[in-house]
Amino acid sequence: MRSIWKGSIGFGLVNIPVKLFSAVQSSGLNLDMLDSRDHSRIKYQRVNEKTKKEVPYDKIVKGYMMDEQYIILEDKDFEDASPEKTKIIEIENFVEADEINPMYYETSYYAQPETQGRKAYTLLLKSLQKSKKAGLARFVLRSTENLCVIHPVDQIIVITKIRFAEEIRSSDELIPAEGKELTIGKKELDMGLALINQYSSKFDITKFKDDYHNELLRIIKAKSKGKRPTIKKLKPQKAAGDDLYDQLMQSLSGSRKGA
């Protein structure tokens, strides 16, 4: 596994040297874009809109449009914007992990300590486990400032990027005013809670497989052997009617999926 970032975690006045490694990977299939006429791969090019010629990667710069002209930014400009955060993940405060809305979560990285920082790393890990809290911090990755949560998973510290508040859109305009005044009867609410209880279990992510891509891979393998893949037939479901209470009753009386 190759590290993507080297720096330190700031824990008070203690700096913990660490390396970050990506903790996630795509489960999707790598499909190439092809020309249907001869199955040649299609490649994308970085083309100058004026000359229509391809631009070498080392000639590409970043710019911000201001007053109808571009202001060109260099790597040093990004570093100067937040020099203290380029090599340190500074913990600003600690919060209850369950206070963080899942909408804010993005992606996660494993933090591995350097040799000289193992004791301080273990102290932070044990402190997070004991307090059941998570640290909120900022750091710069690929010229971009990121907000993150520092939390323990098993016996390792994980850095999970989260979104800033301004990146979450308001839902106010999606909910009609009259929708907020709808009331739910007690018997319907009781049935809804009973349905949740019936489908409740301890969280185990290993029970959830990427069935779509596994099925797609099965079809690909069958076609590679010149066979016609067998497609699962959809089973039509009987309409439950329009009455909410009746739908809940039928849901409770039906067998639980995977039970």
Protein backbone atom coordinates (compact mmCIF):
# COMPACT_ATOMS: atom_id res chain seq x y z
CA MET A 1 0.00 0.00 0.00
CA ARG A 2 1.41 3.37 -0.99
CA SER A 3 1.10 6.43 1.27
CA ILE A 4 -0.61 9.51 -0.19
CA TRP A 5 0.40 12.07 2.45
CA LYS A 6 3.11 12.55 5.08
CA GLY A 7 2.91 14.95 7.99
CA SER A 8 1.82 15.08 11.63
CA ILE A 9 -1.30 14.97 13.76
CA GLY A 10 -1.32 17.88 16.23
CA PHE A 11 -2.60 16.70 19.62
CA GLY A 12 -2.24 19.73 21.90
CA LEU A 13 1.49 20.50 21.97
CA VAL A 14 2.30 16.96 20.81
CA ASN A 15 3.04 16.33 17.14
CA ILE A 16 2.57 12.74 15.95
CA PRO A 17 4.38 11.99 12.65
CA VAL A 18 2.14 9.86 10.42
CA LYS A 19 1.59 8.63 6.89
CA LEU A 20 -1.87 8.46 5.36
CA PHE A 21 -3.07 5.54 3.25
CA SER A 22 -6.36 5.32 1.38
CA ALA A 23 -8.80 3.19 3.37
CA VAL A 24 -11.34 2.75 0.57
CA GLN A 25 -11.35 1.25 -2.90
CA SER A 26 -13.85 1.04 -5.71
CA SER A 27 -15.81 -2.20 -6.10
CA GLY A 28 -16.92 -1.27 -9.61
CA LEU A 29 -15.63 -2.89 -12.78
CA ASN A 30 -13.09 -1.00 -14.87
CA LEU A 31 -14.95 -0.55 -18.15
CA ASP A 32 -13.22 1.13 -21.10
CA MET A 33 -14.94 3.44 -23.56
CA LEU A 34 -14.66 1.89 -27.04
CA ASP A 35 -15.45 2.80 -30.64
CA SER A 36 -18.35 0.50 -31.55
CA ARG A 37 -17.00 0.12 -35.10
CA ASP A 38 -13.65 -1.50 -34.31
CA HIS A 39 -13.56 -1.68 -30.47
CA SER A 40 -10.56 0.65 -30.27
CA ARG A 41 -10.16 2.46 -26.97
CA ILE A 42 -11.28 6.07 -26.79
CA LYS A 43 -8.81 8.47 -25.19
CA TYR A 44 -9.50 11.92 -23.81
CA GLN A 45 -7.15 14.76 -24.60
CA ARG A 46 -6.44 18.09 -22.94
CA VAL A 47 -7.03 20.44 -25.87
CA ASN A 48 -6.40 24.17 -26.14
CA GLU A 49 -9.79 25.65 -27.08
CA LYS A 50 -8.16 28.19 -29.42
CA THR A 51 -5.45 26.16 -31.20
CA LYS A 52 -7.36 22.84 -30.94
CA LYS A 53 -3.98 21.22 -30.14
CA GLU A 54 -3.25 18.92 -27.19
CA VAL A 55 -1.56 20.61 -24.21
CA PRO A 56 1.29 18.77 -22.39
CA TYR A 57 0.47 18.11 -18.75
CA ASP A 58 3.47 20.15 -17.52
CA LYS A 59 2.12 23.18 -19.38
CA ILE A 60 -1.22 23.17 -17.61
CA VAL A 61 -1.75 25.75 -14.85
CA LYS A 62 -4.71 26.66 -12.65
CA GLY A 63 -6.44 30.01 -12.93
CA TYR A 64 -9.33 31.93 -11.38
CA MET A 65 -11.48 34.20 -13.52
CA MET A 66 -11.69 37.73 -12.09
CA ASP A 67 -12.76 40.89 -13.93
CA GLU A 68 -12.83 38.97 -17.23
CA GLN A 69 -9.23 37.79 -16.97
CA TYR A 70 -7.54 34.77 -15.40
CA ILE A 71 -5.37 35.08 -12.30
CA ILE A 72 -2.82 32.25 -12.50
CA LEU A 73 -2.09 30.34 -9.29
CA GLU A 74 1.13 28.45 -8.55
CA ASP A 75 1.79 25.66 -6.04
CA LYS A 76 3.34 28.17 -3.64
CA ASP A 77 0.14 30.24 -3.68
CA PHE A 78 -1.83 27.27 -2.37
CA GLU A 79 0.78 26.64 0.33
CA ASP A 80 0.88 30.32 1.31
CA ALA A 81 -2.91 30.36 1.68
CA SER A 82 -2.61 27.99 4.63
CA PRO A 83 1.08 27.27 5.36
CA GLU A 84 0.46 25.92 8.87
CA LYS A 85 -1.88 23.24 7.54
CA THR A 86 0.26 21.86 4.71
CA LYS A 87 2.05 19.31 6.87
CA ILE A 88 -0.04 19.04 10.01
CA ILE A 89 -3.52 17.80 10.87
CA GLU A 90 -4.27 20.09 13.80
CA ILE A 91 -7.03 18.85 16.11
CA GLU A 92 -9.18 21.90 16.94
CA ASN A 93 -11.68 20.25 19.27
CA PHE A 94 -13.32 16.96 20.19
CA VAL A 95 -16.98 16.01 19.66
CA GLU A 96 -19.31 13.08 20.13
CA ALA A 97 -19.01 11.01 16.95
CA ASP A 98 -22.78 10.43 16.75
CA GLU A 99 -23.34 14.21 16.59
CA ILE A 100 -21.90 14.30 13.06
CA ASN A 101 -24.57 14.02 10.38
CA PRO A 102 -23.67 11.20 7.92
CA MET A 103 -24.31 13.67 5.07
CA TYR A 104 -20.97 15.30 5.92
CA TYR A 105 -18.83 12.17 5.45
CA GLU A 106 -16.69 11.79 2.32
CA THR A 107 -13.75 9.36 2.30
CA SER A 108 -11.38 7.78 4.82
CA TYR A 109 -7.63 7.28 5.26
CA TYR A 110 -5.62 5.07 7.61
CA ALA A 111 -3.04 6.96 9.67
CA GLN A 112 0.13 4.96 10.34
CA PRO A 113 2.63 6.36 12.86
CA GLU A 114 6.30 6.87 12.08
CA THR A 115 8.69 5.04 14.40
CA GLN A 116 9.41 8.09 16.58
CA GLY A 117 5.71 8.82 17.06
CA ARG A 118 4.34 5.42 18.09
CA LYS A 119 3.93 6.17 21.81
CA ALA A 120 2.11 9.47 21.22
CA TYR A 121 0.01 7.77 18.50
CA THR A 122 -1.00 5.01 20.94
CA LEU A 123 -1.86 7.62 23.57
CA LEU A 124 -4.20 9.42 21.16
CA LEU A 125 -5.73 6.13 20.00
CA LYS A 126 -6.42 4.93 23.56
CA SER A 127 -7.75 8.36 24.58
CA LEU A 128 -10.22 8.40 21.68
CA GLN A 129 -11.35 4.85 22.48
CA LYS A 130 -11.79 5.62 26.18
CA SER A 131 -13.59 8.93 25.71
CA LYS A 132 -15.66 7.67 22.76
CA LYS A 133 -15.06 11.01 21.07
CA ALA A 134 -13.66 12.09 17.70
CA GLY A 135 -11.31 14.93 16.89
CA LEU A 136 -12.22 17.67 14.39
CA ALA A 137 -9.29 18.98 12.37
CA ARG A 138 -8.20 20.59 9.11
CA PHE A 139 -5.37 19.76 6.75
CA VAL A 140 -4.26 20.41 3.18
CA LEU A 141 -4.33 17.53 0.69
CA ARG A 142 -3.55 18.08 -2.99
CA SER A 143 -3.64 21.88 -2.62
CA THR A 144 -7.09 21.81 -1.03
CA GLU A 145 -8.00 22.48 2.59
CA ASN A 146 -10.07 19.67 4.08
CA LEU A 147 -12.13 19.31 7.21
CA CYS A 148 -11.77 15.89 8.82
CA VAL A 149 -12.75 13.67 11.72
CA ILE A 150 -10.07 11.73 13.60
CA HIS A 151 -11.51 8.58 15.08
CA PRO A 152 -10.40 5.06 16.12
CA VAL A 153 -11.32 1.94 14.14
CA ASP A 154 -10.14 -1.26 15.85
CA GLN A 155 -6.49 -0.53 16.68
CA ILE A 156 -5.75 2.21 14.17
CA ILE A 157 -6.53 5.91 13.84
CA VAL A 158 -8.65 6.82 10.82
CA ILE A 159 -8.83 10.25 9.20
CA THR A 160 -12.21 10.75 7.52
CA LYS A 161 -12.74 13.78 5.31
CA ILE A 162 -16.04 15.56 5.88
CA ARG A 163 -17.79 18.37 4.03
CA PHE A 164 -17.94 21.96 5.25
CA ALA A 165 -21.37 23.29 6.26
CA GLU A 166 -21.63 25.43 3.11
CA GLU A 167 -21.32 22.32 0.95
CA ILE A 168 -24.66 20.95 2.19
CA ARG A 169 -27.70 22.34 0.40
CA SER A 170 -30.79 23.36 2.31
CA SER A 171 -33.83 21.11 1.87
CA ASP A 172 -36.35 23.82 2.76
CA GLU A 173 -37.44 24.47 -0.82
CA LEU A 174 -38.03 20.74 -1.43
CA ILE A 175 -40.61 20.32 1.32
CA PRO A 176 -44.04 21.89 0.53
CA ALA A 177 -45.38 24.02 3.36
CA GLU A 178 -48.49 21.85 3.65
CA GLY A 179 -46.30 18.75 3.94
CA LYS A 180 -44.99 19.96 7.27
CA GLU A 181 -48.51 19.98 8.71
CA LEU A 182 -49.31 16.34 7.94
CA THR A 183 -50.10 14.30 11.05
CA ILE A 184 -49.62 10.58 11.57
CA GLY A 185 -52.10 8.64 13.69
CA LYS A 186 -50.90 6.72 16.77
CA LYS A 187 -51.80 3.31 15.32
CA GLU A 188 -49.87 4.08 12.12
CA LEU A 189 -46.86 5.29 14.11
CA ASP A 190 -46.97 2.16 16.29
CA MET A 191 -47.04 0.00 13.16
CA GLY A 192 -44.12 1.95 11.68
CA LEU A 193 -42.07 1.40 14.84
CA ALA A 194 -43.01 -2.29 14.86
CA LEU A 195 -41.84 -2.60 11.25
CA ILE A 196 -38.50 -0.99 12.13
CA ASN A 197 -38.08 -3.37 15.07
CA GLN A 198 -38.86 -6.35 12.84
CA TYR A 199 -36.11 -5.37 10.42
CA SER A 200 -33.60 -4.31 13.07
CA SER A 201 -30.31 -6.13 13.61
CA LYS A 202 -26.73 -5.43 14.66
CA PHE A 203 -24.80 -3.54 11.98
CA ASP A 204 -22.67 -5.93 9.91
CA ILE A 205 -21.42 -4.46 6.64
CA THR A 206 -20.10 -7.86 5.46
CA LYS A 207 -23.70 -9.01 4.91
CA PHE A 208 -24.13 -6.44 2.13
CA LYS A 209 -22.45 -7.45 -1.12
CA ASP A 210 -22.18 -5.50 -4.35
CA ASP A 211 -24.70 -7.75 -6.11
CA TYR A 212 -25.02 -5.55 -9.19
CA HIS A 213 -21.33 -5.66 -10.12
CA ASN A 214 -21.01 -9.33 -9.18
CA GLU A 215 -23.91 -10.14 -11.51
CA LEU A 216 -22.42 -7.93 -14.24
CA LEU A 217 -19.09 -9.77 -13.92
CA ARG A 218 -20.94 -13.11 -14.23
CA ILE A 219 -22.54 -11.89 -17.47
CA ILE A 220 -19.12 -10.75 -18.78
CA LYS A 221 -17.56 -14.15 -18.05
CA ALA A 222 -20.44 -15.95 -19.77
CA LYS A 223 -20.14 -13.75 -22.86
CA SER A 224 -16.36 -14.31 -22.97
CA LYS A 225 -17.09 -18.02 -23.45
CA GLY A 226 -19.63 -17.34 -26.18
CA LYS A 227 -22.54 -18.28 -23.94
CA ARG A 228 -25.83 -16.50 -23.48
CA PRO A 229 -26.01 -15.39 -19.84
CA THR A 230 -29.02 -16.50 -17.80
CA ILE A 231 -30.88 -13.44 -16.58
CA LYS A 232 -32.84 -13.49 -13.35
CA LYS A 233 -36.55 -13.01 -13.87
CA LEU A 234 -38.27 -10.26 -11.97
CA LYS A 235 -41.03 -11.42 -9.69
CA PRO A 236 -44.08 -9.14 -9.92
CA GLN A 237 -45.18 -7.83 -6.54
CA LYS A 238 -48.80 -7.63 -5.59
CA ALA A 239 -50.06 -4.09 -5.07
CA ALA A 240 -50.52 -3.31 -1.39
CA GLY A 241 -53.32 -0.81 -1.93
CA ASP A 242 -53.43 2.87 -1.10
CA ASP A 243 -54.21 2.67 2.61
CA LEU A 244 -51.04 3.29 4.67
CA TYR A 245 -52.19 1.17 7.62
CA ASP A 246 -52.99 -1.78 5.34
CA GLN A 247 -49.55 -1.47 3.70
CA LEU A 248 -47.90 -1.55 7.12
CA MET A 249 -49.94 -4.58 8.15
CA GLN A 250 -48.96 -6.46 5.01
CA SER A 251 -45.31 -5.50 5.53
CA LEU A 252 -45.35 -6.90 9.08
CA SER A 253 -47.10 -10.12 8.06
CA GLY A 254 -44.66 -10.73 5.18
CA SER A 255 -41.43 -12.63 5.68
CA ARG A 256 -38.36 -10.52 6.42
CA LYS A 257 -35.78 -10.44 3.59
CA GLY A 258 -32.73 -12.46 4.51
CA ALA A 259 -34.27 -13.74 7.75
